[in-house]
Amino acid sequence: MTVSQFTDSGDALIHYLDSGGDDRGAPVVFVPGMTCIAEDYTEVLPLFGRRTVVIELRGHGRSSAPATGYDAATLSTDIGAVVDTITDGPVHIVTFSRGTTYALTWALANFERVRSVAIGDYVPEEKVLTPEMSRRLLAGRWRGTPVSERLDEAAADKTFQAAQQRSMWGRLARQRLPLLAVRSGEKFLVGEEQWSRYRKLFPHAQLIEFPDSPHDIFRPDRGRYPRLVRQHVDRADEGS
């Protein structure tokens, strides 16, 4: 049964949902996108096939929104706080959209604890949005509700302002971690150039396209990505 939990990340109280159950030696740690909240994923957590937690970084959902700490390095400590709360062993890192940036920041600093990585419709980079793009995102809706109800707008502004354009392609490739990457049919964030780069840098990765999905790769089939991740992490465990 999925339960709501909190853990302390220094100056922030971080909320996460925990599916419970057997972690099979390495739980799944899921870091979703900028406009997501943990409750978006309550129904699909069992599909990952083992204990899975989905994290709300500071400023999102039920997590606190302190005055500072919105750079990628600090946001990654929110992930580390949850990881250390649920296990002292390895984990499988799963991401969607901009959550990829913060999850990979943590994973690359703690690669010895990462058994596999799955990236949902994003690239291993930190991206800088223009003020116009960030305003449009915050004024919009996501999965039927206003974005402003999903995250703290001041915290979101600080996150965008703290962002720095940087690549993690090479660092991730050098770790040779088992990788699953999924891109949507929208191809806006992962275009042909980026997809070719995945193929070149990660020749053994599983690269899957969802041609019928928009950027929200949980549409039209909510369980497709979790089921793929389940197969991916099982294979990674067999090879460890």
C-alpha atoms as a PDB file:
ATOM      1  CA  MET A   1       0.000   0.000   0.000  1.00  0.00           C
ATOM      2  CA  THR A   2       1.432   3.360  -1.066  1.00  0.00           C
ATOM      3  CA  VAL A   3       2.064   5.726   1.831  1.00  0.00           C
ATOM      4  CA  SER A   4       2.977   9.395   2.084  1.00  0.00           C
ATOM      5  CA  GLN A   5       6.295  10.078   3.807  1.00  0.00           C
ATOM      6  CA  PHE A   6       8.558  13.015   4.632  1.00  0.00           C
ATOM      7  CA  THR A   7      12.286  13.282   5.214  1.00  0.00           C
ATOM      8  CA  ASP A   8      14.592  16.093   6.279  1.00  0.00           C
ATOM      9  CA  SER A   9      16.939  17.584   3.677  1.00  0.00           C
ATOM     10  CA  GLY A  10      18.639  20.187   5.820  1.00  0.00           C
ATOM     11  CA  ASP A  11      16.612  23.342   5.225  1.00  0.00           C
ATOM     12  CA  ALA A  12      13.711  21.571   3.503  1.00  0.00           C
ATOM     13  CA  LEU A  13      11.158  18.905   4.358  1.00  0.00           C
ATOM     14  CA  ILE A  14      10.849  16.603   1.371  1.00  0.00           C
ATOM     15  CA  HIS A  15       7.679  14.680   0.600  1.00  0.00           C
ATOM     16  CA  TYR A  16       7.664  11.373  -1.251  1.00  0.00           C
ATOM     17  CA  LEU A  17       5.286   8.517  -1.920  1.00  0.00           C
ATOM     18  CA  ASP A  18       6.501   5.042  -1.051  1.00  0.00           C
ATOM     19  CA  SER A  19       4.901   1.965  -2.588  1.00  0.00           C
ATOM     20  CA  GLY A  20       6.431  -0.252   0.092  1.00  0.00           C
ATOM     21  CA  GLY A  21       6.993  -3.924  -0.548  1.00  0.00           C
ATOM     22  CA  ASP A  22      10.120  -5.832  -1.490  1.00  0.00           C
ATOM     23  CA  ASP A  23      12.855  -3.647  -3.002  1.00  0.00           C
ATOM     24  CA  ARG A  24      14.651  -6.766  -4.302  1.00  0.00           C
ATOM     25  CA  GLY A  25      17.948  -5.316  -3.155  1.00  0.00           C
ATOM     26  CA  ALA A  26      17.630  -2.018  -5.008  1.00  0.00           C
ATOM     27  CA  PRO A  27      14.493   0.151  -4.918  1.00  0.00           C
ATOM     28  CA  VAL A  28      13.361   2.396  -7.764  1.00  0.00           C
ATOM     29  CA  VAL A  29      13.775   6.121  -7.089  1.00  0.00           C
ATOM     30  CA  PHE A  30      11.628   8.149  -9.477  1.00  0.00           C
ATOM     31  CA  VAL A  31      12.187  11.892  -9.981  1.00  0.00           C
ATOM     32  CA  PRO A  32       9.416  13.308 -12.186  1.00  0.00           C
ATOM     33  CA  GLY A  33       9.114  16.571 -14.097  1.00  0.00           C
ATOM     34  CA  MET A  34       8.964  20.214 -13.097  1.00  0.00           C
ATOM     35  CA  THR A  35       5.173  20.405 -13.114  1.00  0.00           C
ATOM     36  CA  CYS A  36       4.502  16.954 -11.654  1.00  0.00           C
ATOM     37  CA  ILE A  37       3.441  16.038  -8.135  1.00  0.00           C
ATOM     38  CA  ALA A  38       3.866  12.658  -6.520  1.00  0.00           C
ATOM     39  CA  GLU A  39       0.147  11.895  -6.464  1.00  0.00           C
ATOM     40  CA  ASP A  40       0.159  11.879 -10.285  1.00  0.00           C
ATOM     41  CA  TYR A  41       1.828   8.481 -10.045  1.00  0.00           C
ATOM     42  CA  THR A  42       0.033   6.725  -7.197  1.00  0.00           C
ATOM     43  CA  GLU A  43      -1.726   4.250  -9.473  1.00  0.00           C
ATOM     44  CA  VAL A  44       1.331   3.299 -11.521  1.00  0.00           C
ATOM     45  CA  LEU A  45       3.879   2.761  -8.730  1.00  0.00           C
ATOM     46  CA  PRO A  46       3.007  -0.960  -8.400  1.00  0.00           C
ATOM     47  CA  LEU A  47       3.832  -1.441 -12.094  1.00  0.00           C
ATOM     48  CA  PHE A  48       7.530  -0.902 -11.417  1.00  0.00           C
ATOM     49  CA  GLY A  49       7.516  -4.346  -9.827  1.00  0.00           C
ATOM     50  CA  ARG A  50       9.386  -3.543  -6.622  1.00  0.00           C
ATOM     51  CA  ARG A  51       9.479  -0.924  -3.899  1.00  0.00           C
ATOM     52  CA  THR A  52       9.327   2.446  -5.641  1.00  0.00           C
ATOM     53  CA  VAL A  53       9.406   5.991  -4.308  1.00  0.00           C
ATOM     54  CA  VAL A  54       8.430   9.131  -6.224  1.00  0.00           C
ATOM     55  CA  ILE A  55       9.963  12.368  -4.952  1.00  0.00           C
ATOM     56  CA  GLU A  56       8.651  15.918  -4.761  1.00  0.00           C
ATOM     57  CA  LEU A  57      11.668  18.216  -4.761  1.00  0.00           C
ATOM     58  CA  ARG A  58      11.544  21.365  -2.627  1.00  0.00           C
ATOM     59  CA  GLY A  59       8.882  23.780  -3.805  1.00  0.00           C
ATOM     60  CA  HIS A  60       6.759  21.002  -5.306  1.00  0.00           C
ATOM     61  CA  GLY A  61       3.548  19.491  -4.003  1.00  0.00           C
ATOM     62  CA  ARG A  62       3.698  18.852  -0.279  1.00  0.00           C
ATOM     63  CA  SER A  63       7.437  19.488   0.112  1.00  0.00           C
ATOM     64  CA  SER A  64       8.432  22.712   1.820  1.00  0.00           C
ATOM     65  CA  ALA A  65       9.619  25.740  -0.137  1.00  0.00           C
ATOM     66  CA  PRO A  66      12.533  27.367   1.706  1.00  0.00           C
ATOM     67  CA  ALA A  67      13.868  30.757   0.661  1.00  0.00           C
ATOM     68  CA  THR A  68      17.030  29.329  -0.896  1.00  0.00           C
ATOM     69  CA  GLY A  69      18.492  26.151  -2.361  1.00  0.00           C
ATOM     70  CA  TYR A  70      17.186  25.912  -5.923  1.00  0.00           C
ATOM     71  CA  ASP A  71      20.391  25.242  -7.822  1.00  0.00           C
ATOM     72  CA  ALA A  72      20.839  21.748  -9.247  1.00  0.00           C
ATOM     73  CA  ALA A  73      23.427  20.704  -6.664  1.00  0.00           C
ATOM     74  CA  THR A  74      21.124  21.557  -3.756  1.00  0.00           C
ATOM     75  CA  LEU A  75      18.053  20.060  -5.396  1.00  0.00           C
ATOM     76  CA  SER A  76      20.030  16.860  -5.854  1.00  0.00           C
ATOM     77  CA  THR A  77      20.552  16.725  -2.084  1.00  0.00           C
ATOM     78  CA  ASP A  78      16.764  16.420  -1.722  1.00  0.00           C
ATOM     79  CA  ILE A  79      17.012  13.235  -3.761  1.00  0.00           C
ATOM     80  CA  GLY A  80      19.929  12.032  -1.670  1.00  0.00           C
ATOM     81  CA  ALA A  81      17.974  12.631   1.528  1.00  0.00           C
ATOM     82  CA  VAL A  82      15.186  10.352   0.310  1.00  0.00           C
ATOM     83  CA  VAL A  83      17.612   7.702  -0.938  1.00  0.00           C
ATOM     84  CA  ASP A  84      19.419   7.625   2.399  1.00  0.00           C
ATOM     85  CA  THR A  85      16.092   7.376   4.224  1.00  0.00           C
ATOM     86  CA  ILE A  86      14.892   4.329   2.320  1.00  0.00           C
ATOM     87  CA  THR A  87      18.124   2.367   1.869  1.00  0.00           C
ATOM     88  CA  ASP A  88      21.849   2.252   2.536  1.00  0.00           C
ATOM     89  CA  GLY A  89      22.389   0.234  -0.638  1.00  0.00           C
ATOM     90  CA  PRO A  90      22.032   0.667  -4.404  1.00  0.00           C
ATOM     91  CA  VAL A  91      19.076   2.169  -6.253  1.00  0.00           C
ATOM     92  CA  HIS A  92      17.648   2.346  -9.759  1.00  0.00           C
ATOM     93  CA  ILE A  93      17.209   5.957 -10.893  1.00  0.00           C
ATOM     94  CA  VAL A  94      14.169   6.761 -13.041  1.00  0.00           C
ATOM     95  CA  THR A  95      13.398  10.206 -14.417  1.00  0.00           C
ATOM     96  CA  PHE A  96      10.887  12.119 -16.472  1.00  0.00           C
ATOM     97  CA  SER A  97      11.369  15.491 -18.151  1.00  0.00           C
ATOM     98  CA  ARG A  98      13.283  18.142 -16.149  1.00  0.00           C
ATOM     99  CA  GLY A  99      13.559  15.851 -13.139  1.00  0.00           C
ATOM    100  CA  THR A 100      16.327  14.237 -15.192  1.00  0.00           C
ATOM    101  CA  THR A 101      18.674  17.139 -14.476  1.00  0.00           C
ATOM    102  CA  TYR A 102      18.503  16.799 -10.706  1.00  0.00           C
ATOM    103  CA  ALA A 103      18.393  13.008 -10.655  1.00  0.00           C
ATOM    104  CA  LEU A 104      21.502  12.754 -12.824  1.00  0.00           C
ATOM    105  CA  THR A 105      23.282  15.381 -10.761  1.00  0.00           C
ATOM    106  CA  TRP A 106      22.817  13.118  -7.741  1.00  0.00           C
ATOM    107  CA  ALA A 107      23.525   9.914  -9.675  1.00  0.00           C
ATOM    108  CA  LEU A 108      26.812  11.137 -11.131  1.00  0.00           C
ATOM    109  CA  ALA A 109      28.003  12.225  -7.694  1.00  0.00           C
ATOM    110  CA  ASN A 110      26.996   8.843  -6.237  1.00  0.00           C
ATOM    111  CA  PHE A 111      27.435   6.490  -9.189  1.00  0.00           C
ATOM    112  CA  GLU A 112      28.647   3.660  -6.971  1.00  0.00           C
ATOM    113  CA  ARG A 113      25.110   3.458  -5.576  1.00  0.00           C
ATOM    114  CA  VAL A 114      23.341   3.525  -8.959  1.00  0.00           C
ATOM    115  CA  ARG A 115      22.485   0.212 -10.554  1.00  0.00           C
ATOM    116  CA  SER A 116      20.683   1.591 -13.609  1.00  0.00           C
ATOM    117  CA  VAL A 117      19.226   4.766 -15.114  1.00  0.00           C
ATOM    118  CA  ALA A 118      16.012   5.323 -17.083  1.00  0.00           C
ATOM    119  CA  ILE A 119      15.349   8.716 -18.709  1.00  0.00           C
ATOM    120  CA  GLY A 120      11.879   9.746 -19.871  1.00  0.00           C
ATOM    121  CA  ASP A 121      11.737  12.247 -22.769  1.00  0.00           C
ATOM    122  CA  TYR A 122      14.754  14.319 -21.832  1.00  0.00           C
ATOM    123  CA  VAL A 123      18.504  14.517 -22.316  1.00  0.00           C
ATOM    124  CA  PRO A 124      21.387  14.448 -19.819  1.00  0.00           C
ATOM    125  CA  GLU A 125      21.685  18.211 -19.584  1.00  0.00           C
ATOM    126  CA  GLU A 126      20.665  21.158 -17.473  1.00  0.00           C
ATOM    127  CA  LYS A 127      18.721  23.609 -19.629  1.00  0.00           C
ATOM    128  CA  VAL A 128      18.163  27.328 -19.199  1.00  0.00           C
ATOM    129  CA  LEU A 129      14.711  28.649 -20.107  1.00  0.00           C
ATOM    130  CA  THR A 130      14.066  32.168 -21.274  1.00  0.00           C
ATOM    131  CA  PRO A 131      11.925  34.295 -18.945  1.00  0.00           C
ATOM    132  CA  GLU A 132       9.129  34.084 -21.506  1.00  0.00           C
ATOM    133  CA  MET A 133       9.257  30.288 -21.576  1.00  0.00           C
ATOM    134  CA  SER A 134       9.253  29.995 -17.790  1.00  0.00           C
ATOM    135  CA  ARG A 135       6.328  32.423 -17.457  1.00  0.00           C
ATOM    136  CA  ARG A 136       4.342  30.484 -20.036  1.00  0.00           C
ATOM    137  CA  LEU A 137       5.029  27.201 -18.263  1.00  0.00           C
ATOM    138  CA  LEU A 138       3.972  28.567 -14.869  1.00  0.00           C
ATOM    139  CA  ALA A 139       0.809  30.129 -16.306  1.00  0.00           C
ATOM    140  CA  GLY A 140      -0.276  26.886 -17.965  1.00  0.00           C
ATOM    141  CA  ARG A 141      -1.964  23.674 -16.922  1.00  0.00           C
ATOM    142  CA  TRP A 142      -0.596  20.175 -16.536  1.00  0.00           C
ATOM    143  CA  ARG A 143      -2.711  17.053 -16.422  1.00  0.00           C
ATOM    144  CA  GLY A 144      -5.872  19.074 -15.998  1.00  0.00           C
ATOM    145  CA  THR A 145      -4.878  21.396 -13.160  1.00  0.00           C
ATOM    146  CA  PRO A 146      -3.134  24.785 -13.062  1.00  0.00           C
ATOM    147  CA  VAL A 147       0.625  24.546 -12.652  1.00  0.00           C
ATOM    148  CA  SER A 148       0.341  27.176  -9.909  1.00  0.00           C
ATOM    149  CA  GLU A 149      -1.520  24.607  -7.781  1.00  0.00           C
ATOM    150  CA  ARG A 150       1.238  22.050  -8.222  1.00  0.00           C
ATOM    151  CA  LEU A 151       4.294  24.015  -7.186  1.00  0.00           C
ATOM    152  CA  ASP A 152       5.304  27.141  -5.360  1.00  0.00           C
ATOM    153  CA  GLU A 153       5.699  29.829  -8.027  1.00  0.00           C
ATOM    154  CA  ALA A 154       8.448  31.710  -6.161  1.00  0.00           C
ATOM    155  CA  ALA A 155      10.380  28.463  -5.780  1.00  0.00           C
ATOM    156  CA  ALA A 156       9.907  27.684  -9.463  1.00  0.00           C
ATOM    157  CA  ASP A 157      11.191  31.141 -10.415  1.00  0.00           C
ATOM    158  CA  LYS A 158      14.262  30.606  -8.261  1.00  0.00           C
ATOM    159  CA  THR A 159      14.837  27.194  -9.862  1.00  0.00           C
ATOM    160  CA  PHE A 160      14.753  28.686 -13.354  1.00  0.00           C
ATOM    161  CA  GLN A 161      16.971  31.605 -12.316  1.00  0.00           C
ATOM    162  CA  ALA A 162      19.557  29.281 -10.756  1.00  0.00           C
ATOM    163  CA  ALA A 163      19.783  27.036 -13.818  1.00  0.00           C
ATOM    164  CA  GLN A 164      23.047  26.873 -15.764  1.00  0.00           C
ATOM    165  CA  GLN A 165      23.428  25.383 -19.198  1.00  0.00           C
ATOM    166  CA  ARG A 166      25.598  22.282 -18.769  1.00  0.00           C
ATOM    167  CA  SER A 167      26.054  18.881 -20.306  1.00  0.00           C
ATOM    168  CA  MET A 168      26.156  15.556 -18.489  1.00  0.00           C
ATOM    169  CA  TRP A 169      26.339  13.430 -21.660  1.00  0.00           C
ATOM    170  CA  GLY A 170      30.001  12.531 -21.386  1.00  0.00           C
ATOM    171  CA  ARG A 171      30.035  11.969 -17.640  1.00  0.00           C
ATOM    172  CA  LEU A 172      27.031   9.659 -17.846  1.00  0.00           C
ATOM    173  CA  ALA A 173      28.491   7.728 -20.776  1.00  0.00           C
ATOM    174  CA  ARG A 174      31.757   7.154 -18.935  1.00  0.00           C
ATOM    175  CA  GLN A 175      29.956   5.411 -16.059  1.00  0.00           C
ATOM    176  CA  ARG A 176      28.623   2.713 -18.431  1.00  0.00           C
ATOM    177  CA  LEU A 177      25.478   2.275 -16.380  1.00  0.00           C
ATOM    178  CA  PRO A 178      22.621   0.263 -17.888  1.00  0.00           C
ATOM    179  CA  LEU A 179      20.488   2.898 -19.614  1.00  0.00           C
ATOM    180  CA  LEU A 180      16.927   3.045 -20.887  1.00  0.00           C
ATOM    181  CA  ALA A 181      15.911   6.217 -22.732  1.00  0.00           C
ATOM    182  CA  VAL A 182      12.396   6.889 -24.005  1.00  0.00           C
ATOM    183  CA  ARG A 183      11.369   9.734 -26.269  1.00  0.00           C
ATOM    184  CA  SER A 184       7.912  10.914 -27.241  1.00  0.00           C
ATOM    185  CA  GLY A 185       6.463  11.412 -30.685  1.00  0.00           C
ATOM    186  CA  GLU A 186       6.607  15.144 -30.023  1.00  0.00           C
ATOM    187  CA  LYS A 187      10.405  15.108 -30.496  1.00  0.00           C
ATOM    188  CA  PHE A 188      10.713  18.650 -29.151  1.00  0.00           C
ATOM    189  CA  LEU A 189      13.076  17.936 -26.266  1.00  0.00           C
ATOM    190  CA  VAL A 190      14.685  14.874 -27.838  1.00  0.00           C
ATOM    191  CA  GLY A 191      15.046  15.564 -31.544  1.00  0.00           C
ATOM    192  CA  GLU A 192      16.903  13.573 -34.175  1.00  0.00           C
ATOM    193  CA  GLU A 193      20.259  15.119 -33.250  1.00  0.00           C
ATOM    194  CA  GLN A 194      19.847  14.221 -29.574  1.00  0.00           C
ATOM    195  CA  TRP A 195      18.541  10.738 -30.409  1.00  0.00           C
ATOM    196  CA  SER A 196      21.582  10.127 -32.611  1.00  0.00           C
ATOM    197  CA  ARG A 197      23.781  11.270 -29.764  1.00  0.00           C
ATOM    198  CA  TYR A 198      22.157   8.730 -27.470  1.00  0.00           C
ATOM    199  CA  ARG A 199      22.900   6.011 -30.034  1.00  0.00           C
ATOM    200  CA  LYS A 200      26.517   7.109 -30.418  1.00  0.00           C
ATOM    201  CA  LEU A 201      27.417   7.587 -26.750  1.00  0.00           C
ATOM    202  CA  PHE A 202      25.346   4.705 -25.355  1.00  0.00           C
ATOM    203  CA  PRO A 203      25.660   1.872 -27.891  1.00  0.00           C
ATOM    204  CA  HIS A 204      24.308  -0.702 -25.448  1.00  0.00           C
ATOM    205  CA  ALA A 205      21.364   1.377 -24.220  1.00  0.00           C
ATOM    206  CA  GLN A 206      17.755   0.472 -24.821  1.00  0.00           C
ATOM    207  CA  LEU A 207      16.297   3.367 -26.829  1.00  0.00           C
ATOM    208  CA  ILE A 208      12.528   3.309 -27.217  1.00  0.00           C
ATOM    209  CA  GLU A 209      10.175   5.700 -29.018  1.00  0.00           C
ATOM    210  CA  PHE A 210       6.542   6.300 -28.059  1.00  0.00           C
ATOM    211  CA  PRO A 211       5.277   7.745 -31.366  1.00  0.00           C
ATOM    212  CA  ASP A 212       1.723   8.177 -30.059  1.00  0.00           C
ATOM    213  CA  SER A 213       2.745  10.083 -26.905  1.00  0.00           C
ATOM    214  CA  PRO A 214       3.081  13.828 -26.416  1.00  0.00           C
ATOM    215  CA  HIS A 215       5.823  15.006 -24.049  1.00  0.00           C
ATOM    216  CA  ASP A 216       3.717  13.437 -21.296  1.00  0.00           C
ATOM    217  CA  ILE A 217       4.882   9.895 -22.035  1.00  0.00           C
ATOM    218  CA  PHE A 218       2.310   8.589 -19.548  1.00  0.00           C
ATOM    219  CA  ARG A 219      -0.306   9.250 -22.243  1.00  0.00           C
ATOM    220  CA  PRO A 220      -2.134   7.535 -23.791  1.00  0.00           C
ATOM    221  CA  ASP A 221      -0.905   4.467 -21.852  1.00  0.00           C
ATOM    222  CA  ARG A 222      -0.073   5.358 -18.248  1.00  0.00           C
ATOM    223  CA  GLY A 223       1.653   2.061 -17.591  1.00  0.00           C
ATOM    224  CA  ARG A 224       3.873   1.722 -20.650  1.00  0.00           C
ATOM    225  CA  TYR A 225       6.937   3.543 -19.273  1.00  0.00           C
ATOM    226  CA  PRO A 226       6.737   1.887 -15.809  1.00  0.00           C
ATOM    227  CA  ARG A 227       6.473  -1.550 -17.419  1.00  0.00           C
ATOM    228  CA  LEU A 228       9.530  -0.854 -19.581  1.00  0.00           C
ATOM    229  CA  VAL A 229      11.420   0.319 -16.505  1.00  0.00           C
ATOM    230  CA  ARG A 230      10.457  -2.858 -14.697  1.00  0.00           C
ATOM    231  CA  GLN A 231      12.016  -4.978 -17.431  1.00  0.00           C
ATOM    232  CA  HIS A 232      15.059  -2.697 -17.562  1.00  0.00           C
ATOM    233  CA  VAL A 233      15.820  -2.816 -13.828  1.00  0.00           C
ATOM    234  CA  ASP A 234      15.301  -6.591 -13.735  1.00  0.00           C
ATOM    235  CA  ARG A 235      17.881  -6.998 -16.506  1.00  0.00           C
ATOM    236  CA  ALA A 236      20.281  -4.647 -14.695  1.00  0.00           C
ATOM    237  CA  ASP A 237      19.969  -6.683 -11.525  1.00  0.00           C
ATOM    238  CA  GLU A 238      20.650  -9.902 -13.400  1.00  0.00           C
ATOM    239  CA  GLY A 239      23.832  -8.397 -14.819  1.00  0.00           C
ATOM    240  CA  SER A 240      25.121  -6.900 -11.576  1.00  0.00           C
END
